[in-house]
C-alpha atoms as a PDB file:
ATOM      1  CA  UNK A   1     -44.915  13.915  10.114  1.00  0.00           C
ATOM      2  CA  UNK A   2     -48.140  14.532  12.387  1.00  0.00           C
ATOM      3  CA  UNK A   3     -47.555  17.478  15.154  1.00  0.00           C
ATOM      4  CA  UNK A   4     -50.275  18.076  17.623  1.00  0.00           C
ATOM      5  CA  UNK A   5     -50.552  21.403  18.798  1.00  0.00           C
ATOM      6  CA  UNK A   6     -51.703  22.048  22.286  1.00  0.00           C
ATOM      7  CA  UNK A   7     -52.747  24.927  24.926  1.00  0.00           C
ATOM      8  CA  UNK A   8     -52.354  24.949  28.418  1.00  0.00           C
ATOM      9  CA  UNK A   9     -55.041  24.784  30.807  1.00  0.00           C
ATOM     10  CA  UNK A  10     -54.429  26.100  34.442  1.00  0.00           C
ATOM     11  CA  UNK A  11     -55.375  23.240  37.016  1.00  0.00           C
ATOM     12  CA  UNK A  12     -55.883  25.923  39.718  1.00  0.00           C
ATOM     13  CA  UNK A  13     -58.706  28.517  38.106  1.00  0.00           C
ATOM     14  CA  UNK A  14     -59.195  26.777  34.440  1.00  0.00           C
ATOM     15  CA  UNK A  15     -57.681  29.698  32.284  1.00  0.00           C
ATOM     16  CA  UNK A  16     -56.383  28.555  28.554  1.00  0.00           C
ATOM     17  CA  UNK A  17     -53.039  29.820  27.527  1.00  0.00           C
ATOM     18  CA  UNK A  18     -51.205  30.079  24.258  1.00  0.00           C
ATOM     19  CA  UNK A  19     -48.302  29.355  23.935  1.00  0.00           C
ATOM     20  CA  UNK A  20     -47.939  27.742  27.212  1.00  0.00           C
ATOM     21  CA  UNK A  21     -46.539  29.782  30.024  1.00  0.00           C
ATOM     22  CA  UNK A  22     -44.313  29.124  32.594  1.00  0.00           C
ATOM     23  CA  UNK A  23     -47.189  31.416  35.524  1.00  0.00           C
ATOM     24  CA  UNK A  24     -51.014  31.407  34.333  1.00  0.00           C
ATOM     25  CA  UNK A  25     -51.605  34.852  33.315  1.00  0.00           C
ATOM     26  CA  UNK A  26     -54.867  34.795  35.111  1.00  0.00           C
ATOM     27  CA  UNK A  27     -54.336  33.335  38.796  1.00  0.00           C
ATOM     28  CA  UNK A  28     -50.113  32.548  38.503  1.00  0.00           C
ATOM     29  CA  UNK A  29     -50.475  28.753  38.975  1.00  0.00           C
ATOM     30  CA  UNK A  30     -47.571  26.613  37.745  1.00  0.00           C
ATOM     31  CA  UNK A  31     -49.234  23.958  36.908  1.00  0.00           C
ATOM     32  CA  UNK A  32     -51.283  23.251  33.799  1.00  0.00           C
ATOM     33  CA  UNK A  33     -53.130  20.355  31.320  1.00  0.00           C
ATOM     34  CA  UNK A  34     -52.365  20.327  27.837  1.00  0.00           C
ATOM     35  CA  UNK A  35     -55.799  20.585  25.637  1.00  0.00           C
ATOM     36  CA  UNK A  36     -55.536  20.555  21.659  1.00  0.00           C
ATOM     37  CA  UNK A  37     -56.205  23.116  20.317  1.00  0.00           C
ATOM     38  CA  UNK A  38     -58.887  23.214  17.411  1.00  0.00           C
ATOM     39  CA  UNK A  39     -62.561  24.183  16.085  1.00  0.00           C
ATOM     40  CA  UNK A  40     -63.444  27.157  14.903  1.00  0.00           C
ATOM     41  CA  UNK A  41     -62.719  30.732  15.292  1.00  0.00           C
ATOM     42  CA  UNK A  42     -62.674  34.643  14.061  1.00  0.00           C
ATOM     43  CA  UNK A  43     -59.432  35.879  12.038  1.00  0.00           C
ATOM     44  CA  UNK A  44     -58.716  39.140  13.749  1.00  0.00           C
ATOM     45  CA  UNK A  45     -55.583  39.833  11.337  1.00  0.00           C
ATOM     46  CA  UNK A  46     -53.936  38.735   8.395  1.00  0.00           C
ATOM     47  CA  UNK A  47     -51.042  39.790   6.833  1.00  0.00           C
ATOM     48  CA  UNK A  48     -48.828  38.517   3.454  1.00  0.00           C
ATOM     49  CA  UNK A  49     -45.151  37.780   4.066  1.00  0.00           C
ATOM     50  CA  UNK A  50     -42.947  38.020   0.906  1.00  0.00           C
ATOM     51  CA  UNK A  51     -39.893  38.272   1.838  1.00  0.00           C
ATOM     52  CA  UNK A  52     -38.981  34.547   2.421  1.00  0.00           C
ATOM     53  CA  UNK A  53     -36.089  32.230   2.391  1.00  0.00           C
ATOM     54  CA  UNK A  54     -34.760  31.444  -0.423  1.00  0.00           C
ATOM     55  CA  UNK A  55     -35.901  27.600  -0.268  1.00  0.00           C
ATOM     56  CA  UNK A  56     -39.972  28.922  -0.554  1.00  0.00           C
ATOM     57  CA  UNK A  57     -40.694  27.163  -3.619  1.00  0.00           C
ATOM     58  CA  UNK A  58     -44.202  29.721  -3.429  1.00  0.00           C
ATOM     59  CA  UNK A  59     -43.774  34.113  -4.023  1.00  0.00           C
ATOM     60  CA  UNK A  60     -45.654  34.653  -0.491  1.00  0.00           C
ATOM     61  CA  UNK A  61     -47.255  32.878   3.055  1.00  0.00           C
ATOM     62  CA  UNK A  62     -50.367  34.576   3.829  1.00  0.00           C
ATOM     63  CA  UNK A  63     -50.692  34.141   8.114  1.00  0.00           C
ATOM     64  CA  UNK A  64     -53.274  35.059  10.260  1.00  0.00           C
ATOM     65  CA  UNK A  65     -54.004  35.667  13.922  1.00  0.00           C
ATOM     66  CA  UNK A  66     -57.315  33.577  15.022  1.00  0.00           C
ATOM     67  CA  UNK A  67     -59.153  34.413  17.890  1.00  0.00           C
ATOM     68  CA  UNK A  68     -60.779  30.624  18.350  1.00  0.00           C
ATOM     69  CA  UNK A  69     -63.787  30.184  20.303  1.00  0.00           C
ATOM     70  CA  UNK A  70     -61.798  28.080  22.948  1.00  0.00           C
ATOM     71  CA  UNK A  71     -61.035  31.143  24.025  1.00  0.00           C
ATOM     72  CA  UNK A  72     -57.255  31.945  23.378  1.00  0.00           C
ATOM     73  CA  UNK A  73     -55.859  33.547  20.040  1.00  0.00           C
ATOM     74  CA  UNK A  74     -53.429  31.827  17.859  1.00  0.00           C
ATOM     75  CA  UNK A  75     -50.968  32.634  14.969  1.00  0.00           C
ATOM     76  CA  UNK A  76     -51.045  29.948  11.776  1.00  0.00           C
ATOM     77  CA  UNK A  77     -50.843  29.838   7.762  1.00  0.00           C
ATOM     78  CA  UNK A  78     -54.146  30.903   6.039  1.00  0.00           C
ATOM     79  CA  UNK A  79     -54.890  28.957   3.494  1.00  0.00           C
ATOM     80  CA  UNK A  80     -57.841  31.434   2.062  1.00  0.00           C
ATOM     81  CA  UNK A  81     -57.440  33.234  -1.667  1.00  0.00           C
ATOM     82  CA  UNK A  82     -58.654  36.234  -0.382  1.00  0.00           C
ATOM     83  CA  UNK A  83     -58.824  36.784   3.754  1.00  0.00           C
ATOM     84  CA  UNK A  84     -61.568  39.288   5.220  1.00  0.00           C
ATOM     85  CA  UNK A  85     -60.784  40.347   8.681  1.00  0.00           C
ATOM     86  CA  UNK A  86     -63.497  38.820  10.463  1.00  0.00           C
ATOM     87  CA  UNK A  87     -64.229  35.838   9.145  1.00  0.00           C
ATOM     88  CA  UNK A  88     -64.995  32.405  10.191  1.00  0.00           C
ATOM     89  CA  UNK A  89     -62.179  29.953   9.975  1.00  0.00           C
ATOM     90  CA  UNK A  90     -61.179  26.132  10.880  1.00  0.00           C
ATOM     91  CA  UNK A  91     -58.464  25.562  12.063  1.00  0.00           C
ATOM     92  CA  UNK A  92     -56.235  22.055  11.432  1.00  0.00           C
ATOM     93  CA  UNK A  93     -53.088  20.609  11.568  1.00  0.00           C
ATOM     94  CA  UNK A  94     -51.184  20.432   8.352  1.00  0.00           C
ATOM     95  CA  UNK A  95     -48.188  21.599   6.537  1.00  0.00           C
ATOM     96  CA  UNK A  96     -47.057  24.572   6.663  1.00  0.00           C
ATOM     97  CA  UNK A  97     -43.962  24.516   5.358  1.00  0.00           C
ATOM     98  CA  UNK A  98     -40.999  22.015   4.008  1.00  0.00           C
ATOM     99  CA  UNK A  99     -37.152  22.051   4.647  1.00  0.00           C
ATOM    100  CA  UNK A 100     -34.691  19.685   3.353  1.00  0.00           C
ATOM    101  CA  UNK A 101     -37.468  17.263   2.038  1.00  0.00           C
ATOM    102  CA  UNK A 102     -39.480  17.061   5.630  1.00  0.00           C
ATOM    103  CA  UNK A 103     -42.823  18.419   5.971  1.00  0.00           C
ATOM    104  CA  UNK A 104     -43.168  20.723   8.962  1.00  0.00           C
ATOM    105  CA  UNK A 105     -46.510  20.936  10.318  1.00  0.00           C
ATOM    106  CA  UNK A 106     -48.258  23.994  12.328  1.00  0.00           C
ATOM    107  CA  UNK A 107     -52.062  25.424  12.339  1.00  0.00           C
ATOM    108  CA  UNK A 108     -53.519  26.184   8.974  1.00  0.00           C
ATOM    109  CA  UNK A 109     -56.437  27.888   8.920  1.00  0.00           C
ATOM    110  CA  UNK A 110     -59.516  27.242   6.574  1.00  0.00           C
ATOM    111  CA  UNK A 111     -62.533  29.079   5.078  1.00  0.00           C
ATOM    112  CA  UNK A 112     -65.885  27.780   6.971  1.00  0.00           C
END
């Protein structure tokens, strides 16, 4: 099942926020319009998580925090064998996990 990941654009000041907030962190506005997450960004930090639930088939999951060129920071799964902090990455929506035979989708980052 495909998923759209969106940031919230404040209709008052234009500030983008992710995840969506009740109030704009910049002007405290309360009206937002959705903007699809996408494009490229820079890997700020990353980690490998080894303490996974028993139903994971892999030994670990690599996660990263990326500052997207669109001006927001987002966390997602890294599909990069040897991540390097500061590296350019590309964003897409992809499978991040499987639960009871169902694909769970979210943000996935790959090397540019």
